[in-house]
N, C-alpha and C. Protein backbone atom coordinates (compact mmCIF):
# COMPACT_ATOMS: atom_id res chain seq x y z
N MET A 1 15.20 15.24 -19.19
CA MET A 1 14.23 14.15 -19.12
C MET A 1 14.77 12.95 -19.87
N GLY A 2 14.30 11.76 -19.45
CA GLY A 2 14.64 10.56 -20.18
C GLY A 2 15.81 9.80 -19.63
N SER A 3 16.12 8.68 -20.28
CA SER A 3 17.22 7.83 -19.86
C SER A 3 17.71 7.01 -21.05
N GLU A 4 19.02 6.94 -21.20
CA GLU A 4 19.60 6.11 -22.25
C GLU A 4 19.51 4.62 -21.92
N ALA A 5 19.32 4.32 -20.62
CA ALA A 5 19.27 2.93 -20.18
C ALA A 5 17.85 2.38 -20.12
N GLY A 6 16.86 3.21 -20.45
CA GLY A 6 15.49 2.79 -20.31
C GLY A 6 14.88 2.28 -21.60
N GLN A 7 13.55 2.33 -21.68
CA GLN A 7 12.83 1.90 -22.85
C GLN A 7 12.96 2.93 -23.97
N GLY A 8 12.54 2.54 -25.16
CA GLY A 8 12.66 3.43 -26.29
C GLY A 8 11.92 4.74 -26.14
N ASP A 9 10.79 4.71 -25.41
CA ASP A 9 10.02 5.94 -25.26
C ASP A 9 10.63 6.91 -24.26
N GLU A 10 11.74 6.53 -23.62
CA GLU A 10 12.47 7.43 -22.72
C GLU A 10 13.60 8.16 -23.45
N GLN A 11 13.68 8.00 -24.74
CA GLN A 11 14.77 8.58 -25.52
C GLN A 11 14.20 9.46 -26.63
N PRO A 12 14.98 10.47 -27.05
CA PRO A 12 16.31 10.82 -26.57
C PRO A 12 16.25 11.58 -25.24
N VAL A 13 17.33 11.48 -24.48
CA VAL A 13 17.47 12.30 -23.29
C VAL A 13 17.56 13.76 -23.74
N HIS A 14 16.82 14.63 -23.09
CA HIS A 14 16.77 16.03 -23.53
C HIS A 14 16.52 16.94 -22.34
N GLN A 15 16.95 18.18 -22.47
CA GLN A 15 16.77 19.16 -21.41
C GLN A 15 15.44 19.88 -21.58
N VAL A 16 14.79 20.12 -20.45
CA VAL A 16 13.48 20.76 -20.42
C VAL A 16 13.46 21.80 -19.31
N GLU A 17 12.78 22.90 -19.56
CA GLU A 17 12.55 23.91 -18.54
C GLU A 17 11.08 23.89 -18.14
N VAL A 18 10.81 23.93 -16.83
CA VAL A 18 9.43 24.02 -16.36
C VAL A 18 9.31 25.24 -15.47
N SER A 19 8.18 25.93 -15.57
CA SER A 19 7.92 27.07 -14.70
C SER A 19 7.72 26.60 -13.27
N ALA A 20 7.90 27.51 -12.33
CA ALA A 20 7.76 27.17 -10.92
C ALA A 20 6.37 26.62 -10.62
N PHE A 21 6.31 25.58 -9.80
CA PHE A 21 5.04 24.98 -9.40
C PHE A 21 5.19 24.35 -8.03
N GLU A 22 4.07 24.14 -7.37
CA GLU A 22 4.04 23.41 -6.10
C GLU A 22 3.52 22.01 -6.37
N CYS A 23 4.14 21.04 -5.71
CA CYS A 23 3.73 19.64 -5.85
C CYS A 23 3.30 19.12 -4.48
N ALA A 24 2.19 18.40 -4.46
CA ALA A 24 1.70 17.83 -3.21
C ALA A 24 2.74 16.89 -2.60
N VAL A 25 2.92 16.98 -1.30
CA VAL A 25 3.88 16.13 -0.60
C VAL A 25 3.47 14.66 -0.70
N TYR A 26 2.17 14.41 -0.68
CA TYR A 26 1.64 13.05 -0.73
C TYR A 26 0.64 12.91 -1.88
N PRO A 27 0.42 11.69 -2.36
CA PRO A 27 -0.71 11.47 -3.27
C PRO A 27 -2.03 11.77 -2.55
N VAL A 28 -3.08 11.99 -3.30
CA VAL A 28 -4.41 12.18 -2.73
C VAL A 28 -4.81 10.90 -1.97
N THR A 29 -5.31 11.07 -0.77
CA THR A 29 -5.65 9.93 0.09
C THR A 29 -7.11 9.54 -0.03
N GLN A 30 -7.43 8.37 0.51
CA GLN A 30 -8.82 7.93 0.54
C GLN A 30 -9.69 8.91 1.32
N ALA A 31 -9.17 9.43 2.43
CA ALA A 31 -9.94 10.36 3.24
C ALA A 31 -10.24 11.65 2.48
N GLN A 32 -9.27 12.16 1.75
CA GLN A 32 -9.49 13.36 0.95
C GLN A 32 -10.49 13.10 -0.17
N TYR A 33 -10.37 11.94 -0.79
CA TYR A 33 -11.27 11.61 -1.89
C TYR A 33 -12.68 11.35 -1.38
N ALA A 34 -12.81 10.85 -0.17
CA ALA A 34 -14.12 10.62 0.42
C ALA A 34 -14.87 11.94 0.59
N ASP A 35 -14.16 13.02 0.94
CA ASP A 35 -14.80 14.33 1.04
C ASP A 35 -15.36 14.76 -0.31
N PHE A 36 -14.61 14.48 -1.37
CA PHE A 36 -15.05 14.79 -2.72
C PHE A 36 -16.30 13.99 -3.08
N LEU A 37 -16.30 12.69 -2.78
CA LEU A 37 -17.45 11.85 -3.09
C LEU A 37 -18.69 12.31 -2.34
N HIS A 38 -18.51 12.66 -1.07
CA HIS A 38 -19.64 13.10 -0.25
C HIS A 38 -20.23 14.41 -0.78
N ALA A 39 -19.36 15.27 -1.27
CA ALA A 39 -19.81 16.59 -1.72
C ALA A 39 -20.43 16.57 -3.11
N THR A 40 -20.08 15.58 -3.91
CA THR A 40 -20.47 15.62 -5.32
C THR A 40 -21.31 14.44 -5.80
N ASP A 41 -21.37 13.36 -5.04
CA ASP A 41 -22.02 12.13 -5.49
C ASP A 41 -21.37 11.57 -6.75
N HIS A 42 -20.09 11.87 -6.93
CA HIS A 42 -19.34 11.30 -8.06
C HIS A 42 -19.26 9.78 -7.89
N GLU A 43 -19.19 9.06 -8.99
CA GLU A 43 -19.10 7.61 -8.95
C GLU A 43 -17.88 7.15 -8.15
N ARG A 44 -18.06 6.13 -7.36
CA ARG A 44 -16.98 5.67 -6.48
C ARG A 44 -15.87 4.98 -7.27
N PRO A 45 -14.66 4.98 -6.71
CA PRO A 45 -13.55 4.25 -7.34
C PRO A 45 -13.79 2.74 -7.31
N ARG A 46 -13.03 2.05 -8.11
CA ARG A 46 -13.08 0.60 -8.12
C ARG A 46 -12.63 0.06 -6.76
N GLU A 47 -13.39 -0.91 -6.23
CA GLU A 47 -13.09 -1.55 -4.94
C GLU A 47 -13.01 -0.54 -3.80
N TRP A 48 -13.88 0.46 -3.83
CA TRP A 48 -13.93 1.46 -2.77
C TRP A 48 -14.42 0.80 -1.47
N PRO A 49 -13.74 1.01 -0.34
CA PRO A 49 -14.14 0.34 0.91
C PRO A 49 -15.45 0.90 1.46
N ASP A 50 -16.20 0.05 2.16
CA ASP A 50 -17.42 0.50 2.82
C ASP A 50 -17.10 1.47 3.95
N ARG A 51 -15.93 1.28 4.55
CA ARG A 51 -15.52 2.15 5.65
C ARG A 51 -14.02 2.36 5.56
N ILE A 52 -13.59 3.61 5.68
CA ILE A 52 -12.16 3.92 5.62
C ILE A 52 -11.56 3.70 7.00
N THR A 53 -10.66 2.73 7.10
CA THR A 53 -10.04 2.40 8.39
C THR A 53 -8.64 2.96 8.52
N VAL A 54 -7.98 3.23 7.38
CA VAL A 54 -6.64 3.83 7.39
C VAL A 54 -6.72 5.10 6.56
N ALA A 55 -6.75 6.24 7.22
CA ALA A 55 -7.04 7.51 6.55
C ALA A 55 -5.96 7.93 5.56
N ASP A 56 -4.73 7.45 5.77
CA ASP A 56 -3.65 7.93 4.91
C ASP A 56 -3.25 6.92 3.83
N LEU A 57 -4.15 6.01 3.47
CA LEU A 57 -3.91 5.20 2.29
C LEU A 57 -4.21 6.04 1.05
N PRO A 58 -3.44 5.86 -0.03
CA PRO A 58 -3.74 6.62 -1.24
C PRO A 58 -5.03 6.14 -1.88
N VAL A 59 -5.78 7.05 -2.46
CA VAL A 59 -6.95 6.61 -3.22
C VAL A 59 -6.46 5.89 -4.46
N THR A 60 -7.09 4.78 -4.79
CA THR A 60 -6.76 4.00 -5.99
C THR A 60 -8.06 3.61 -6.68
N GLY A 61 -7.93 3.00 -7.85
CA GLY A 61 -9.11 2.63 -8.60
C GLY A 61 -9.80 3.82 -9.23
N VAL A 62 -9.04 4.91 -9.43
CA VAL A 62 -9.59 6.12 -10.05
C VAL A 62 -9.04 6.26 -11.47
N SER A 63 -9.86 6.70 -12.36
CA SER A 63 -9.45 6.95 -13.73
C SER A 63 -8.85 8.35 -13.85
N TRP A 64 -8.28 8.63 -15.00
CA TRP A 64 -7.80 9.98 -15.31
C TRP A 64 -8.97 10.95 -15.27
N ILE A 65 -10.11 10.51 -15.75
CA ILE A 65 -11.30 11.35 -15.76
C ILE A 65 -11.74 11.67 -14.33
N ASP A 66 -11.68 10.68 -13.44
CA ASP A 66 -12.01 10.90 -12.03
C ASP A 66 -11.06 11.90 -11.40
N ALA A 67 -9.77 11.76 -11.69
CA ALA A 67 -8.77 12.67 -11.12
C ALA A 67 -9.03 14.10 -11.57
N GLN A 68 -9.42 14.27 -12.83
CA GLN A 68 -9.73 15.61 -13.33
C GLN A 68 -10.96 16.18 -12.62
N ALA A 69 -11.95 15.34 -12.36
CA ALA A 69 -13.14 15.79 -11.66
C ALA A 69 -12.80 16.23 -10.24
N TYR A 70 -11.91 15.50 -9.57
CA TYR A 70 -11.48 15.88 -8.23
C TYR A 70 -10.80 17.24 -8.26
N CYS A 71 -9.94 17.47 -9.23
CA CYS A 71 -9.26 18.76 -9.33
C CYS A 71 -10.25 19.90 -9.56
N ARG A 72 -11.23 19.69 -10.41
CA ARG A 72 -12.24 20.73 -10.65
C ARG A 72 -13.00 21.05 -9.36
N TRP A 73 -13.32 20.01 -8.57
CA TRP A 73 -14.00 20.22 -7.30
C TRP A 73 -13.13 21.03 -6.34
N ARG A 74 -11.87 20.70 -6.26
CA ARG A 74 -10.96 21.45 -5.37
C ARG A 74 -10.83 22.91 -5.80
N ASN A 75 -11.01 23.17 -7.08
CA ASN A 75 -10.78 24.51 -7.60
C ASN A 75 -12.01 25.42 -7.50
N VAL A 76 -13.14 24.87 -7.06
CA VAL A 76 -14.35 25.69 -6.94
C VAL A 76 -14.12 26.85 -5.97
N GLY A 77 -13.33 26.62 -4.94
CA GLY A 77 -13.07 27.67 -3.95
C GLY A 77 -11.96 28.61 -4.34
N GLY A 78 -11.49 28.54 -5.57
CA GLY A 78 -10.47 29.47 -6.02
C GLY A 78 -9.07 28.89 -6.04
N ASP A 79 -8.93 27.59 -5.76
CA ASP A 79 -7.61 26.96 -5.82
C ASP A 79 -7.24 26.71 -7.28
N SER A 80 -6.06 26.17 -7.51
CA SER A 80 -5.62 25.91 -8.88
C SER A 80 -5.00 24.53 -9.00
N MET A 81 -5.63 23.55 -8.38
CA MET A 81 -5.13 22.18 -8.42
C MET A 81 -5.28 21.58 -9.82
N ARG A 82 -4.31 20.76 -10.20
CA ARG A 82 -4.37 20.06 -11.48
C ARG A 82 -3.42 18.87 -11.42
N LEU A 83 -3.48 18.03 -12.44
CA LEU A 83 -2.51 16.95 -12.57
C LEU A 83 -1.20 17.50 -13.10
N PRO A 84 -0.07 16.92 -12.72
CA PRO A 84 1.21 17.38 -13.26
C PRO A 84 1.41 16.92 -14.69
N THR A 85 2.15 17.70 -15.45
CA THR A 85 2.62 17.21 -16.74
C THR A 85 3.70 16.16 -16.48
N GLU A 86 4.03 15.39 -17.50
CA GLU A 86 5.13 14.42 -17.34
C GLU A 86 6.42 15.12 -16.97
N ALA A 87 6.66 16.27 -17.57
CA ALA A 87 7.89 17.00 -17.29
C ALA A 87 7.93 17.45 -15.83
N GLU A 88 6.82 17.97 -15.33
CA GLU A 88 6.76 18.39 -13.93
C GLU A 88 6.93 17.20 -13.00
N TRP A 89 6.27 16.09 -13.33
CA TRP A 89 6.37 14.91 -12.47
C TRP A 89 7.81 14.42 -12.40
N GLU A 90 8.48 14.32 -13.53
CA GLU A 90 9.85 13.81 -13.53
C GLU A 90 10.79 14.76 -12.80
N TYR A 91 10.58 16.06 -12.98
CA TYR A 91 11.39 17.04 -12.25
C TYR A 91 11.19 16.87 -10.74
N ALA A 92 9.94 16.74 -10.32
CA ALA A 92 9.64 16.59 -8.91
C ALA A 92 10.21 15.28 -8.36
N ALA A 93 10.08 14.20 -9.14
CA ALA A 93 10.54 12.89 -8.68
C ALA A 93 12.05 12.86 -8.49
N ARG A 94 12.78 13.55 -9.34
CA ARG A 94 14.24 13.53 -9.25
C ARG A 94 14.75 14.21 -7.99
N GLY A 95 13.98 15.07 -7.40
CA GLY A 95 14.35 15.66 -6.12
C GLY A 95 15.66 16.40 -6.13
N GLY A 96 16.04 16.94 -7.28
CA GLY A 96 17.30 17.66 -7.39
C GLY A 96 18.48 16.80 -7.78
N LEU A 97 18.27 15.48 -7.87
CA LEU A 97 19.34 14.55 -8.27
C LEU A 97 19.18 14.26 -9.76
N ASP A 98 19.75 15.08 -10.60
CA ASP A 98 19.46 15.05 -12.04
C ASP A 98 19.80 13.72 -12.71
N CYS A 99 20.82 13.04 -12.22
CA CYS A 99 21.28 11.83 -12.90
C CYS A 99 20.92 10.55 -12.14
N ALA A 100 20.24 10.67 -11.01
CA ALA A 100 19.91 9.48 -10.22
C ALA A 100 18.80 8.68 -10.88
N GLN A 101 18.85 7.36 -10.69
CA GLN A 101 17.81 6.50 -11.27
C GLN A 101 16.48 6.62 -10.53
N PHE A 102 16.54 6.74 -9.21
CA PHE A 102 15.35 6.75 -8.38
C PHE A 102 15.25 8.07 -7.62
N PRO A 103 14.08 8.39 -7.07
CA PRO A 103 13.94 9.66 -6.35
C PRO A 103 14.90 9.82 -5.17
N TRP A 104 15.44 8.73 -4.67
CA TRP A 104 16.31 8.79 -3.50
C TRP A 104 17.76 8.48 -3.84
N GLY A 105 18.09 8.31 -5.10
CA GLY A 105 19.45 7.97 -5.51
C GLY A 105 19.46 6.83 -6.51
N ASP A 106 20.57 6.13 -6.59
CA ASP A 106 20.70 5.05 -7.57
C ASP A 106 20.34 3.67 -7.02
N GLU A 107 20.00 3.58 -5.74
CA GLU A 107 19.61 2.32 -5.13
C GLU A 107 18.18 2.41 -4.61
N ILE A 108 17.46 1.28 -4.67
CA ILE A 108 16.12 1.24 -4.09
C ILE A 108 16.24 1.26 -2.57
N PRO A 109 15.53 2.16 -1.89
CA PRO A 109 15.67 2.27 -0.43
C PRO A 109 15.26 0.99 0.29
N THR A 110 15.85 0.76 1.43
CA THR A 110 15.54 -0.44 2.21
C THR A 110 14.15 -0.39 2.83
N TRP A 111 13.56 0.80 2.95
CA TRP A 111 12.24 0.90 3.58
C TRP A 111 11.11 0.50 2.64
N VAL A 112 11.37 0.35 1.36
CA VAL A 112 10.31 -0.01 0.42
C VAL A 112 9.76 -1.39 0.79
N PRO A 113 8.46 -1.53 1.07
CA PRO A 113 7.91 -2.79 1.57
C PRO A 113 8.08 -3.95 0.60
N ASP A 114 8.59 -5.07 1.11
CA ASP A 114 8.65 -6.34 0.37
C ASP A 114 9.28 -6.20 -1.00
N GLU A 115 10.22 -5.30 -1.15
CA GLU A 115 10.81 -5.07 -2.47
C GLU A 115 11.46 -6.34 -3.01
N GLY A 116 11.04 -6.76 -4.20
CA GLY A 116 11.61 -7.91 -4.87
C GLY A 116 11.10 -9.25 -4.38
N ARG A 117 10.16 -9.24 -3.42
CA ARG A 117 9.66 -10.52 -2.88
C ARG A 117 8.22 -10.80 -3.31
N GLY A 118 7.78 -10.14 -4.33
CA GLY A 118 6.44 -10.40 -4.85
C GLY A 118 5.47 -9.28 -4.55
N PRO A 119 4.33 -9.29 -5.24
CA PRO A 119 3.33 -8.23 -5.06
C PRO A 119 2.79 -8.17 -3.63
N LEU A 120 2.37 -6.99 -3.22
CA LEU A 120 1.75 -6.79 -1.92
C LEU A 120 0.26 -7.03 -2.04
N GLU A 121 -0.44 -6.96 -0.89
CA GLU A 121 -1.89 -7.12 -0.89
C GLU A 121 -2.61 -5.82 -1.14
N GLY A 122 -1.91 -4.72 -1.07
CA GLY A 122 -2.52 -3.42 -1.31
C GLY A 122 -1.48 -2.33 -1.11
N PRO A 123 -1.84 -1.08 -1.39
CA PRO A 123 -0.89 0.02 -1.24
C PRO A 123 -0.57 0.28 0.22
N TRP A 124 0.55 0.91 0.45
CA TRP A 124 0.93 1.26 1.82
C TRP A 124 0.58 2.73 2.09
N PRO A 125 0.55 3.14 3.38
CA PRO A 125 0.21 4.53 3.71
C PRO A 125 1.15 5.53 3.04
N VAL A 126 0.61 6.67 2.65
CA VAL A 126 1.39 7.66 1.91
C VAL A 126 2.52 8.26 2.76
N THR A 127 2.42 8.14 4.09
CA THR A 127 3.42 8.71 4.98
C THR A 127 4.61 7.78 5.21
N LEU A 128 4.54 6.55 4.68
CA LEU A 128 5.62 5.58 4.91
C LEU A 128 6.88 5.98 4.15
N GLY A 129 8.03 5.72 4.76
CA GLY A 129 9.30 5.92 4.06
C GLY A 129 9.93 7.26 4.32
N GLU A 130 10.81 7.63 3.42
CA GLU A 130 11.56 8.87 3.54
C GLU A 130 11.29 9.76 2.34
N PRO A 131 11.29 11.09 2.52
CA PRO A 131 11.05 11.98 1.39
C PRO A 131 12.26 12.06 0.48
N ASN A 132 12.02 12.47 -0.76
CA ASN A 132 13.16 12.73 -1.65
C ASN A 132 13.71 14.13 -1.37
N GLY A 133 14.59 14.59 -2.20
CA GLY A 133 15.26 15.87 -1.96
C GLY A 133 14.34 17.07 -1.95
N TYR A 134 13.16 16.95 -2.52
CA TYR A 134 12.18 18.04 -2.51
C TYR A 134 11.12 17.85 -1.43
N GLY A 135 11.31 16.83 -0.57
CA GLY A 135 10.37 16.63 0.52
C GLY A 135 9.12 15.86 0.15
N LEU A 136 9.13 15.17 -1.00
CA LEU A 136 7.95 14.45 -1.47
C LEU A 136 8.02 12.99 -1.05
N PHE A 137 6.92 12.48 -0.53
CA PHE A 137 6.85 11.09 -0.07
C PHE A 137 6.22 10.20 -1.14
N GLY A 138 6.81 9.03 -1.32
CA GLY A 138 6.21 7.98 -2.13
C GLY A 138 6.22 8.21 -3.62
N ILE A 139 6.81 9.27 -4.10
CA ILE A 139 6.78 9.53 -5.53
C ILE A 139 7.70 8.52 -6.22
N GLY A 140 7.18 7.85 -7.23
CA GLY A 140 7.93 6.79 -7.89
C GLY A 140 7.64 5.41 -7.34
N ALA A 141 6.84 5.32 -6.29
CA ALA A 141 6.59 4.04 -5.63
C ALA A 141 5.13 3.94 -5.20
N ASN A 142 4.71 2.73 -4.84
CA ASN A 142 3.42 2.47 -4.22
C ASN A 142 2.27 2.45 -5.22
N ILE A 143 2.04 3.55 -5.94
CA ILE A 143 0.96 3.59 -6.92
C ILE A 143 1.44 4.28 -8.19
N HIS A 144 0.82 3.90 -9.32
CA HIS A 144 0.98 4.68 -10.53
C HIS A 144 0.24 5.99 -10.35
N GLU A 145 0.85 7.09 -10.81
CA GLU A 145 0.23 8.40 -10.66
C GLU A 145 -0.09 8.98 -12.04
N TRP A 146 -1.34 9.36 -12.22
CA TRP A 146 -1.77 9.95 -13.48
C TRP A 146 -1.04 11.27 -13.75
N CYS A 147 -0.71 11.50 -15.01
CA CYS A 147 -0.20 12.79 -15.46
C CYS A 147 -1.22 13.41 -16.40
N ALA A 148 -1.06 14.69 -16.67
CA ALA A 148 -2.03 15.40 -17.50
C ALA A 148 -1.92 15.04 -18.98
N ASP A 149 -0.75 14.65 -19.44
CA ASP A 149 -0.45 14.56 -20.87
C ASP A 149 -1.11 13.37 -21.57
N TRP A 150 -1.42 13.57 -22.84
CA TRP A 150 -1.59 12.43 -23.73
C TRP A 150 -0.23 11.76 -23.92
N TYR A 151 -0.23 10.47 -24.16
CA TYR A 151 1.02 9.72 -24.32
C TYR A 151 1.37 9.55 -25.79
N SER A 152 2.66 9.71 -26.08
CA SER A 152 3.20 9.34 -27.38
C SER A 152 4.60 8.78 -27.17
N ALA A 153 4.87 7.63 -27.76
CA ALA A 153 6.19 7.01 -27.62
C ALA A 153 7.28 7.83 -28.27
N HIS A 154 6.91 8.72 -29.18
CA HIS A 154 7.90 9.48 -29.96
C HIS A 154 7.94 10.96 -29.56
N TYR A 155 7.25 11.31 -28.50
CA TYR A 155 7.12 12.74 -28.16
C TYR A 155 8.45 13.40 -27.82
N TYR A 156 9.35 12.66 -27.20
CA TYR A 156 10.61 13.28 -26.77
C TYR A 156 11.42 13.82 -27.95
N ALA A 157 11.25 13.23 -29.12
CA ALA A 157 12.00 13.69 -30.29
C ALA A 157 11.50 15.04 -30.79
N GLU A 158 10.30 15.42 -30.41
CA GLU A 158 9.72 16.68 -30.90
C GLU A 158 9.29 17.62 -29.79
N SER A 159 9.58 17.26 -28.55
CA SER A 159 9.14 18.03 -27.39
C SER A 159 9.75 19.43 -27.39
N PRO A 160 8.95 20.46 -27.09
CA PRO A 160 9.52 21.79 -26.91
C PRO A 160 10.36 21.83 -25.64
N VAL A 161 11.27 22.77 -25.57
CA VAL A 161 12.13 22.89 -24.39
C VAL A 161 11.36 23.46 -23.21
N SER A 162 10.48 24.41 -23.45
CA SER A 162 9.80 25.12 -22.37
C SER A 162 8.42 24.53 -22.09
N ASN A 163 8.21 24.06 -20.87
CA ASN A 163 6.91 23.59 -20.39
C ASN A 163 6.19 22.65 -21.36
N PRO A 164 6.79 21.53 -21.70
CA PRO A 164 6.10 20.58 -22.60
C PRO A 164 4.86 20.00 -21.93
N THR A 165 3.80 19.85 -22.70
CA THR A 165 2.54 19.34 -22.17
C THR A 165 2.07 18.10 -22.89
N GLY A 166 2.94 17.47 -23.69
CA GLY A 166 2.55 16.27 -24.41
C GLY A 166 1.87 16.59 -25.72
N PRO A 167 1.58 15.56 -26.50
CA PRO A 167 0.93 15.77 -27.81
C PRO A 167 -0.48 16.32 -27.65
N ALA A 168 -1.02 16.86 -28.73
CA ALA A 168 -2.34 17.49 -28.69
C ALA A 168 -3.47 16.48 -28.56
N SER A 169 -3.22 15.24 -28.93
CA SER A 169 -4.27 14.22 -28.85
C SER A 169 -3.62 12.85 -28.71
N GLY A 170 -4.43 11.85 -28.45
CA GLY A 170 -3.91 10.49 -28.31
C GLY A 170 -5.00 9.53 -27.88
N LEU A 171 -4.60 8.32 -27.57
CA LEU A 171 -5.52 7.29 -27.12
C LEU A 171 -5.34 6.96 -25.64
N ARG A 172 -4.15 7.19 -25.12
CA ARG A 172 -3.85 6.86 -23.73
C ARG A 172 -3.23 8.06 -23.04
N ARG A 173 -3.47 8.16 -21.74
CA ARG A 173 -2.87 9.22 -20.93
C ARG A 173 -1.63 8.69 -20.23
N SER A 174 -0.68 9.56 -20.02
CA SER A 174 0.58 9.19 -19.40
C SER A 174 0.42 9.00 -17.90
N SER A 175 1.25 8.14 -17.35
CA SER A 175 1.32 7.96 -15.90
C SER A 175 2.76 7.66 -15.53
N ARG A 176 3.06 7.82 -14.26
CA ARG A 176 4.42 7.60 -13.77
C ARG A 176 4.38 6.88 -12.43
N GLY A 177 5.53 6.29 -12.08
CA GLY A 177 5.68 5.68 -10.77
C GLY A 177 5.47 4.19 -10.77
N GLY A 178 5.94 3.55 -9.70
CA GLY A 178 5.77 2.11 -9.52
C GLY A 178 4.42 1.80 -8.93
N ALA A 179 4.19 0.55 -8.57
CA ALA A 179 2.88 0.18 -8.04
C ALA A 179 2.98 -1.05 -7.16
N TRP A 180 2.11 -1.09 -6.14
CA TRP A 180 2.12 -2.17 -5.15
C TRP A 180 1.84 -3.53 -5.78
N ARG A 181 1.16 -3.58 -6.91
CA ARG A 181 0.81 -4.87 -7.54
C ARG A 181 2.00 -5.53 -8.24
N HIS A 182 3.08 -4.80 -8.44
CA HIS A 182 4.22 -5.32 -9.18
C HIS A 182 5.23 -5.96 -8.25
N ALA A 183 6.02 -6.86 -8.79
CA ALA A 183 7.09 -7.49 -8.00
C ALA A 183 8.11 -6.44 -7.56
N ILE A 184 8.37 -5.45 -8.42
CA ILE A 184 9.21 -4.30 -8.05
C ILE A 184 8.29 -3.11 -7.93
N THR A 185 8.13 -2.61 -6.71
CA THR A 185 7.08 -1.62 -6.44
C THR A 185 7.53 -0.18 -6.66
N ILE A 186 8.74 0.03 -7.12
CA ILE A 186 9.24 1.37 -7.37
C ILE A 186 9.77 1.43 -8.79
N SER A 187 9.65 2.57 -9.44
CA SER A 187 10.14 2.71 -10.81
C SER A 187 11.22 3.78 -10.86
N ARG A 188 11.99 3.74 -11.94
CA ARG A 188 12.98 4.78 -12.17
C ARG A 188 12.27 6.11 -12.46
N CYS A 189 12.95 7.21 -12.19
CA CYS A 189 12.36 8.54 -12.39
C CYS A 189 11.95 8.76 -13.83
N ALA A 190 12.70 8.19 -14.78
CA ALA A 190 12.44 8.44 -16.19
C ALA A 190 11.45 7.46 -16.81
N GLN A 191 11.08 6.42 -16.09
CA GLN A 191 10.24 5.37 -16.66
C GLN A 191 8.83 5.86 -16.90
N ARG A 192 8.29 5.56 -18.08
CA ARG A 192 6.97 6.03 -18.49
C ARG A 192 5.97 4.88 -18.56
N SER A 193 4.69 5.19 -18.34
CA SER A 193 3.62 4.22 -18.54
C SER A 193 2.40 4.96 -19.06
N ARG A 194 1.40 4.20 -19.49
CA ARG A 194 0.22 4.83 -20.10
C ARG A 194 -0.92 3.84 -20.17
N ILE A 195 -2.16 4.34 -19.98
CA ILE A 195 -3.36 3.53 -20.15
C ILE A 195 -4.51 4.42 -20.63
N ASP A 196 -5.60 3.77 -20.99
CA ASP A 196 -6.81 4.46 -21.39
C ASP A 196 -7.28 5.36 -20.23
N PRO A 197 -7.62 6.62 -20.49
CA PRO A 197 -7.99 7.53 -19.40
C PRO A 197 -9.27 7.16 -18.68
N SER A 198 -10.07 6.23 -19.23
CA SER A 198 -11.31 5.82 -18.56
C SER A 198 -11.12 4.61 -17.65
N PHE A 199 -9.94 3.98 -17.68
CA PHE A 199 -9.72 2.77 -16.91
C PHE A 199 -9.53 3.09 -15.43
N ARG A 200 -10.04 2.18 -14.60
CA ARG A 200 -9.88 2.31 -13.15
C ARG A 200 -9.15 1.07 -12.63
N TYR A 201 -7.87 1.19 -12.47
CA TYR A 201 -7.06 0.09 -11.96
C TYR A 201 -6.76 0.31 -10.48
N THR A 202 -6.64 -0.78 -9.75
CA THR A 202 -6.47 -0.69 -8.30
C THR A 202 -5.07 -0.28 -7.87
N ASP A 203 -4.19 -0.04 -8.83
CA ASP A 203 -2.88 0.50 -8.46
C ASP A 203 -2.66 1.89 -9.08
N TYR A 204 -3.75 2.53 -9.49
CA TYR A 204 -3.67 3.87 -10.08
C TYR A 204 -4.31 4.91 -9.17
N GLY A 205 -3.54 5.96 -8.86
CA GLY A 205 -4.01 7.11 -8.12
C GLY A 205 -3.42 8.37 -8.71
N PHE A 206 -3.26 9.39 -7.88
CA PHE A 206 -2.71 10.65 -8.41
C PHE A 206 -2.29 11.57 -7.28
N ARG A 207 -1.39 12.48 -7.61
CA ARG A 207 -1.09 13.62 -6.73
C ARG A 207 -1.27 14.88 -7.55
N VAL A 208 -1.48 15.98 -6.86
CA VAL A 208 -1.81 17.22 -7.57
C VAL A 208 -0.66 18.22 -7.48
N VAL A 209 -0.69 19.17 -8.40
CA VAL A 209 0.25 20.29 -8.40
C VAL A 209 -0.55 21.57 -8.58
N ARG A 210 0.13 22.70 -8.40
CA ARG A 210 -0.49 24.00 -8.72
C ARG A 210 0.61 25.01 -9.00
């Protein structure tokens, strides 16, 4: 995990082992989240559309707390959905390319919409583009994805080798990936971000693991 070329919170670079897990091919979509809202009367995301016209857009405007509620709903039937740890997310994003900067290699793919030409008007469909080496679409791009961990800038210096889950407490939850609102819509695999778990930003969504 980590990068010597990144921000201070990406250091030191260190080896981590994670137990086997499954990662969703796509982030949770608006259509999937709509089923959750209909079943639970949970509060709607920020800027939730009156009508879903593109079923495979990622859900955005959800807080970490909302994402946890969605996972609990999915698990009522005996599933084991949850948010990924930072370690799991970075492992999945790298797609087997341990030293690559991005999920697809060291260069930003040409299919990334409007890359470097300014922010977009909204997220793109989760099916757009090419998968990384593990078959995952859009990881590292399009939306910030919530992780399970509390955030600490100094955690890497004290992280356990086996299945790290972040510090025991904190003020902000970790997230990963680029976002459509940024001039550069894709992030490096090792790049970290964090916000208050109650915030609902229009470039924040999530994907699940089990």
